[in-house]
Amino acid sequence: MVSPRPLLTAATTAVAMITLAPAPAVAAPSRPHSYRVVDLGTLNGGDGAATAMNDRGDIVGWSTVASGARHAVLWRHGVITDLGVLPGDTDSSAVDVNEFGDVAITSFGSDYLTRAVLWRDGQLHDLGTLGGENSVAIGVNDRRQVLGTSEPAGDMPHRFLWRDGVFADLGREYFYEFTADFNNAGDVVGGFNVPPQDYPCTCVGGRLRDGVFTQIGSEALGVNNRGQVVGAANGRAFRWQNGTLTDLGTLGGDWSRATAINDRGEVVGQSTTTAAWHPFLWRNGSMTDLTTRGVWETDSIEDINIRGHLVGARGNRPVLFR
């Protein structure tokens, strides 16, 4: 808003017209955005953490219940909903939410068996397995595919995509590999054990697209719907797109690691300063130390949505940074 200028008399106006050149308009410097920290609340006042959010602002994670068990939860419009566990199970945790509000969950039994679950329209759907006893959910996209891992009978875990009751087996997740994220195109990123796929692991970051593996850095941890991948390469955070890997830099130390990216290409992660690890936000070629914007050094940042909101945990509490 521009402040009104004081009125001048005819005499002073004439002097001003003769002696002063028109001054160019100068915009007031913008103040750096400082995040407001919102405690999302938990079930029964216990512990909890937020793990993911969508662009509509739905947030998922877990909260302890009165028994001390963890239950998957959804925060929507300030209301927390207990998403429950499968019959006979004790614990659950939500790992992702799509734009339809579908939630990917892993449910845990007292016998240490796990099941990938999809919560949709108020109902839990057991996704089953690839033939073995266990399955684990990793993410859900806007095509309503669920990414996860499961063991076929007598085998090590395989990656899978599930949709409407049908599994697409993406092949083995070999020793020390991990599966981190996927997008609406079905691109899967994580850590891959390159041939001969044996112990010790020759592990690298990469993307799996239609069965074709592309190595990307040392570890790939996040991917957005533009196909941009983030992670770490030789100890430095990167953003990769179409074969080009961009070093995101550090906060003054030697190391950094990118963990999540939104569809605007904004990246969050951690970096060393000269003294400690700090959370960062990378945007438009610039890395910002989030501890200068209201985030604590010890806060956990798990996800960023298209609005630039962040979710994670502060101590044992689930929080939103906006």
Protein backbone atom coordinates (compact mmCIF):
# COMPACT_ATOMS: atom_id res chain seq x y z
CA MET A 1 0.00 0.00 0.00
CA VAL A 2 1.35 3.47 -0.93
CA SER A 3 1.04 6.20 1.71
CA PRO A 4 -0.78 9.41 0.57
CA ARG A 5 1.56 12.28 -0.29
CA PRO A 6 1.05 15.63 1.57
CA LEU A 7 -0.62 18.43 -0.41
CA LEU A 8 1.60 21.28 -1.62
CA THR A 9 0.73 24.99 -1.96
CA ALA A 10 0.95 26.64 -5.39
CA ALA A 11 4.29 28.26 -4.48
CA THR A 12 5.93 25.11 -3.26
CA THR A 13 4.54 23.18 -6.22
CA ALA A 14 6.24 25.59 -8.65
CA VAL A 15 9.59 25.22 -6.88
CA ALA A 16 9.25 21.48 -6.88
CA MET A 17 8.54 21.42 -10.61
CA ILE A 18 11.70 23.43 -11.34
CA THR A 19 14.19 21.88 -8.97
CA LEU A 20 13.17 18.23 -8.66
CA ALA A 21 13.32 15.50 -11.28
CA PRO A 22 10.64 12.83 -11.07
CA ALA A 23 11.83 10.07 -8.74
CA PRO A 24 11.40 6.49 -9.89
CA ALA A 25 9.02 4.39 -7.83
CA VAL A 26 10.94 2.11 -5.49
CA ALA A 27 9.22 -0.93 -4.04
CA ALA A 28 9.62 -1.43 -0.32
CA PRO A 29 11.90 -4.41 0.38
CA SER A 30 9.86 -7.53 1.12
CA ARG A 31 10.28 -9.08 4.53
CA PRO A 32 11.54 -12.68 4.55
CA HIS A 33 8.71 -15.12 5.17
CA SER A 34 8.71 -16.53 8.69
CA TYR A 35 6.73 -19.71 9.17
CA ARG A 36 3.90 -19.91 11.67
CA VAL A 37 4.10 -23.21 13.53
CA VAL A 38 0.77 -24.97 14.04
CA ASP A 39 0.52 -27.90 16.46
CA LEU A 40 -1.89 -30.26 14.71
CA GLY A 41 -2.98 -32.04 17.87
CA THR A 42 -3.08 -35.76 18.64
CA LEU A 43 -5.49 -38.43 19.79
CA ASN A 44 -5.82 -38.39 23.60
CA GLY A 45 -3.04 -35.81 23.89
CA GLY A 46 -0.32 -38.34 23.14
CA ASP A 47 2.62 -38.34 20.76
CA GLY A 48 2.45 -38.03 16.99
CA ALA A 49 4.06 -36.92 13.75
CA ALA A 50 2.94 -35.68 10.34
CA THR A 51 4.45 -37.58 7.42
CA ALA A 52 2.85 -36.19 4.23
CA MET A 53 0.35 -33.68 2.85
CA ASN A 54 -1.44 -32.93 -0.39
CA ASP A 55 -1.92 -29.63 -2.20
CA ARG A 56 -5.43 -29.24 -0.74
CA GLY A 57 -3.97 -29.19 2.76
CA ASP A 58 -4.91 -32.70 3.94
CA ILE A 59 -2.19 -33.99 6.28
CA VAL A 60 -1.54 -37.58 7.36
CA GLY A 61 0.68 -39.28 9.89
CA TRP A 62 0.26 -41.11 13.15
CA SER A 63 -0.77 -40.51 16.75
CA THR A 64 -0.69 -42.64 19.87
CA VAL A 65 -3.98 -43.74 21.40
CA ALA A 66 -4.83 -44.40 25.06
CA SER A 67 -3.21 -47.86 24.96
CA GLY A 68 0.06 -46.37 23.70
CA ALA A 69 -0.36 -47.94 20.26
CA ARG A 70 0.09 -45.82 17.13
CA HIS A 71 -2.81 -45.22 14.78
CA ALA A 72 -2.82 -43.69 11.32
CA VAL A 73 -4.54 -40.30 11.35
CA LEU A 74 -5.79 -37.65 8.94
CA TRP A 75 -5.89 -33.94 9.74
CA ARG A 76 -8.41 -32.03 7.63
CA HIS A 77 -9.70 -28.50 8.31
CA GLY A 78 -8.38 -28.67 11.86
CA VAL A 79 -10.12 -31.98 12.66
CA ILE A 80 -8.14 -35.14 13.43
CA THR A 81 -9.58 -38.50 12.32
CA ASP A 82 -8.40 -41.87 13.61
CA LEU A 83 -8.08 -44.08 10.51
CA GLY A 84 -7.76 -47.20 12.63
CA VAL A 85 -6.03 -50.54 12.04
CA LEU A 86 -6.95 -53.74 10.25
CA PRO A 87 -8.96 -56.24 12.35
CA GLY A 88 -6.64 -58.03 14.74
CA ASP A 89 -3.76 -55.58 14.24
CA THR A 90 -2.36 -53.28 16.91
CA ASP A 91 -0.71 -50.33 15.16
CA SER A 92 -0.80 -48.39 11.91
CA SER A 93 0.89 -45.40 10.30
CA ALA A 94 -0.16 -43.26 7.33
CA VAL A 95 2.61 -42.52 4.84
CA ASP A 96 0.98 -40.56 2.01
CA VAL A 97 -2.22 -38.86 0.80
CA ASN A 98 -3.31 -38.00 -2.76
CA GLU A 99 -5.49 -35.16 -4.05
CA PHE A 100 -8.63 -37.29 -3.68
CA GLY A 101 -7.92 -37.76 0.02
CA ASP A 102 -6.98 -41.43 -0.37
CA VAL A 103 -4.46 -42.41 2.30
CA ALA A 104 -1.70 -45.03 2.03
CA ILE A 105 -1.20 -46.85 5.34
CA THR A 106 0.81 -49.72 6.74
CA SER A 107 -0.98 -51.76 9.42
CA PHE A 108 1.06 -53.78 11.94
CA GLY A 109 0.05 -56.97 13.76
CA SER A 110 1.22 -58.22 17.14
CA ASP A 111 2.89 -61.08 15.24
CA TYR A 112 5.11 -58.50 13.44
CA LEU A 113 3.31 -59.07 10.15
CA THR A 114 2.47 -55.98 8.10
CA ARG A 115 -0.14 -55.13 5.47
CA ALA A 116 -0.37 -52.32 2.95
CA VAL A 117 -3.72 -50.58 3.32
CA LEU A 118 -5.64 -47.94 1.38
CA TRP A 119 -8.08 -45.72 3.29
CA ARG A 120 -10.73 -44.41 0.93
CA ASP A 121 -14.15 -42.89 1.67
CA GLY A 122 -13.95 -43.85 5.32
CA GLN A 123 -13.05 -47.49 4.72
CA LEU A 124 -9.80 -49.46 5.14
CA HIS A 125 -8.96 -51.73 2.21
CA ASP A 126 -6.40 -54.50 2.80
CA LEU A 127 -4.31 -54.62 -0.38
CA GLY A 128 -3.08 -58.15 0.29
CA THR A 129 0.35 -59.40 -0.75
CA LEU A 130 2.25 -60.81 -3.71
CA GLY A 131 1.86 -64.28 -2.20
CA GLY A 132 3.91 -64.01 0.98
CA GLU A 133 2.86 -62.82 4.43
CA ASN A 134 3.80 -59.14 4.36
CA SER A 135 3.23 -55.96 2.41
CA VAL A 136 4.19 -52.35 3.14
CA ALA A 137 2.71 -49.14 1.71
CA ILE A 138 5.05 -46.37 0.55
CA GLY A 139 2.86 -43.91 -1.36
CA VAL A 140 -0.36 -43.21 -3.27
CA ASN A 141 -0.66 -41.06 -6.40
CA ASP A 142 -3.51 -39.24 -8.14
CA ARG A 143 -4.10 -42.21 -10.48
CA ARG A 144 -5.05 -44.02 -7.25
CA GLN A 145 -2.10 -46.35 -7.59
CA VAL A 146 -0.43 -47.50 -4.37
CA LEU A 147 3.32 -48.04 -4.31
CA GLY A 148 4.66 -50.61 -1.89
CA THR A 149 6.74 -53.70 -1.29
CA SER A 150 5.72 -57.30 -0.66
CA GLU A 151 7.33 -60.74 -0.65
CA PRO A 152 6.17 -63.39 -3.07
CA ALA A 153 6.15 -66.76 -1.29
CA GLY A 154 9.72 -67.79 -0.51
CA ASP A 155 11.32 -64.70 -2.02
CA MET A 156 12.77 -61.36 -0.94
CA PRO A 157 10.55 -58.26 -1.18
CA HIS A 158 9.44 -56.97 -4.59
CA ARG A 159 8.30 -53.48 -5.44
CA PHE A 160 4.72 -53.24 -6.63
CA LEU A 161 2.08 -50.87 -7.94
CA TRP A 162 -1.49 -51.69 -6.89
CA ARG A 163 -4.67 -50.33 -8.43
CA ASP A 164 -8.26 -51.54 -8.05
CA GLY A 165 -7.17 -54.90 -6.69
CA VAL A 166 -4.55 -55.63 -9.35
CA PHE A 167 -0.81 -55.85 -8.58
CA ALA A 168 1.89 -54.87 -11.05
CA ASP A 169 5.11 -56.55 -9.87
CA LEU A 170 8.07 -54.19 -10.48
CA GLY A 171 10.73 -56.73 -9.55
CA ARG A 172 12.93 -57.45 -6.58
CA GLU A 173 14.03 -54.90 -4.02
CA TYR A 174 17.50 -56.35 -3.49
CA PHE A 175 19.70 -56.27 -0.39
CA TYR A 176 20.06 -52.77 1.11
CA GLU A 177 17.86 -51.20 -1.56
CA PHE A 178 15.02 -48.89 -0.57
CA THR A 179 11.96 -47.43 -2.27
CA ALA A 180 11.27 -43.78 -1.45
CA ASP A 181 8.65 -42.12 -3.65
CA PHE A 182 6.73 -42.11 -6.95
CA ASN A 183 4.66 -39.73 -9.05
CA ASN A 184 1.51 -39.72 -11.19
CA ALA A 185 3.46 -41.13 -14.14
CA GLY A 186 4.45 -44.14 -12.05
CA ASP A 187 8.14 -43.16 -11.86
CA VAL A 188 9.63 -44.88 -8.79
CA VAL A 189 12.73 -43.50 -7.06
CA GLY A 190 14.95 -44.87 -4.32
CA GLY A 191 18.21 -46.68 -3.74
CA PHE A 192 19.17 -49.47 -6.12
CA ASN A 193 21.78 -52.23 -5.89
CA VAL A 194 23.37 -52.30 -9.33
CA PRO A 195 24.55 -55.61 -10.86
CA PRO A 196 25.59 -58.10 -9.69
CA GLN A 197 23.02 -57.25 -6.92
CA ASP A 198 24.90 -58.89 -4.12
CA TYR A 199 26.35 -58.20 -0.67
CA PRO A 200 27.97 -55.79 -0.02
CA CYS A 201 25.61 -53.46 -1.82
CA THR A 202 26.81 -51.37 -4.74
CA CYS A 203 23.97 -48.96 -4.08
CA VAL A 204 23.13 -45.86 -6.09
CA GLY A 205 20.16 -43.54 -6.42
CA GLY A 206 17.88 -43.98 -9.36
CA ARG A 207 14.53 -43.91 -11.10
CA LEU A 208 12.56 -46.88 -12.37
CA ARG A 209 10.31 -45.97 -15.32
CA ASP A 210 8.48 -48.69 -17.25
CA GLY A 211 11.09 -51.22 -16.18
CA VAL A 212 14.03 -49.05 -17.27
CA PHE A 213 16.50 -47.98 -14.58
CA THR A 214 18.26 -44.60 -14.68
CA GLN A 215 21.01 -43.87 -12.18
CA ILE A 216 20.57 -40.50 -10.47
CA GLY A 217 23.12 -39.55 -7.82
CA SER A 218 23.98 -41.57 -4.74
CA GLU A 219 20.43 -41.73 -3.40
CA ALA A 220 17.09 -40.55 -4.82
CA LEU A 221 14.53 -39.59 -2.19
CA GLY A 222 11.73 -37.64 -3.85
CA VAL A 223 10.08 -37.06 -7.22
CA ASN A 224 7.36 -34.65 -8.35
CA ASN A 225 4.84 -34.81 -11.19
CA ARG A 226 7.19 -32.85 -13.49
CA GLY A 227 9.68 -35.71 -13.29
CA GLN A 228 12.15 -33.76 -11.16
CA VAL A 229 14.06 -35.98 -8.73
CA VAL A 230 15.84 -34.92 -5.54
CA GLY A 231 18.31 -36.63 -3.26
CA ALA A 232 22.05 -36.60 -2.68
CA ALA A 233 25.06 -37.10 -4.92
CA ASN A 234 28.53 -37.34 -3.43
CA GLY A 235 27.31 -35.76 -0.21
CA ARG A 236 25.50 -32.81 -1.84
CA ALA A 237 21.79 -32.18 -2.34
CA PHE A 238 20.65 -32.24 -5.96
CA ARG A 239 17.65 -31.67 -8.19
CA TRP A 240 17.64 -33.71 -11.41
CA GLN A 241 15.57 -33.29 -14.56
CA ASN A 242 15.93 -34.73 -18.07
CA GLY A 243 19.47 -35.90 -17.49
CA THR A 244 20.73 -32.69 -15.88
CA LEU A 245 21.75 -32.82 -12.22
CA THR A 246 21.84 -29.47 -10.39
CA ASP A 247 23.94 -29.16 -7.24
CA LEU A 248 21.79 -27.26 -4.71
CA GLY A 249 24.76 -26.25 -2.56
CA THR A 250 25.00 -26.16 1.23
CA LEU A 251 24.43 -23.79 4.14
CA GLY A 252 28.16 -23.28 4.57
CA GLY A 253 29.25 -26.78 5.49
CA ASP A 254 30.38 -29.69 3.35
CA TRP A 255 27.21 -31.78 3.21
CA SER A 256 23.57 -31.50 2.19
CA ARG A 257 20.69 -33.84 1.35
CA ALA A 258 17.36 -33.10 -0.37
CA THR A 259 14.38 -35.13 0.83
CA ALA A 260 11.18 -33.78 -0.78
CA ILE A 261 10.05 -31.63 -3.72
CA ASN A 262 6.74 -30.06 -4.71
CA ASP A 263 5.32 -29.53 -8.21
CA ARG A 264 6.76 -25.99 -8.34
CA GLY A 265 10.26 -27.46 -8.01
CA GLU A 266 10.79 -26.20 -4.45
CA VAL A 267 12.96 -28.52 -2.37
CA VAL A 268 13.40 -29.21 1.34
CA GLY A 269 16.16 -31.11 3.06
CA GLN A 270 19.04 -30.77 5.51
CA SER A 271 22.47 -29.23 5.19
CA THR A 272 25.47 -28.72 7.40
CA THR A 273 26.45 -25.23 8.43
CA THR A 274 29.87 -24.60 9.93
CA ALA A 275 28.53 -26.11 13.16
CA ALA A 276 25.48 -28.38 12.70
CA TRP A 277 22.79 -29.81 10.41
CA HIS A 278 19.96 -27.37 9.64
CA PRO A 279 16.74 -27.79 7.63
CA PHE A 280 16.69 -25.86 4.35
CA LEU A 281 14.34 -24.68 1.62
CA TRP A 282 15.73 -24.34 -1.92
CA ARG A 283 13.80 -22.13 -4.31
CA ASN A 284 14.75 -20.39 -7.57
CA GLY A 285 18.43 -21.21 -7.23
CA SER A 286 18.76 -20.06 -3.60
CA MET A 287 19.08 -22.17 -0.43
CA THR A 288 17.53 -20.69 2.73
CA ASP A 289 18.36 -21.81 6.24
CA LEU A 290 14.93 -22.48 7.73
CA THR A 291 16.18 -21.81 11.24
CA THR A 292 16.13 -18.15 10.21
CA ARG A 293 12.45 -18.49 9.32
CA GLY A 294 10.97 -19.92 12.53
CA VAL A 295 11.92 -23.60 12.11
CA TRP A 296 14.07 -25.17 14.81
CA GLU A 297 17.31 -27.00 14.13
CA THR A 298 15.81 -30.18 15.65
CA ASP A 299 12.50 -30.03 13.73
CA SER A 300 11.78 -32.85 11.30
CA ILE A 301 10.51 -31.67 7.88
CA GLU A 302 8.84 -34.50 5.95
CA ASP A 303 6.98 -32.89 3.05
CA ILE A 304 6.23 -29.66 1.16
CA ASN A 305 3.11 -28.94 -0.89
CA ILE A 306 2.50 -26.56 -3.78
CA ARG A 307 1.55 -23.75 -1.38
CA GLY A 308 4.97 -24.01 0.24
CA HIS A 309 3.54 -25.39 3.49
CA LEU A 310 5.71 -27.86 5.38
CA VAL A 311 4.79 -30.74 7.68
CA GLY A 312 6.74 -32.82 10.13
CA ALA A 313 7.35 -33.02 13.85
CA ARG A 314 8.67 -30.84 16.63
CA GLY A 315 9.81 -33.18 19.34
CA ASN A 316 6.94 -35.65 19.80
CA ARG A 317 4.29 -33.35 18.30
CA PRO A 318 2.92 -33.24 14.73
CA VAL A 319 3.28 -29.77 13.24
CA LEU A 320 2.43 -27.71 10.16
CA PHE A 321 4.70 -24.85 9.10
CA ARG A 322 2.89 -22.25 7.00
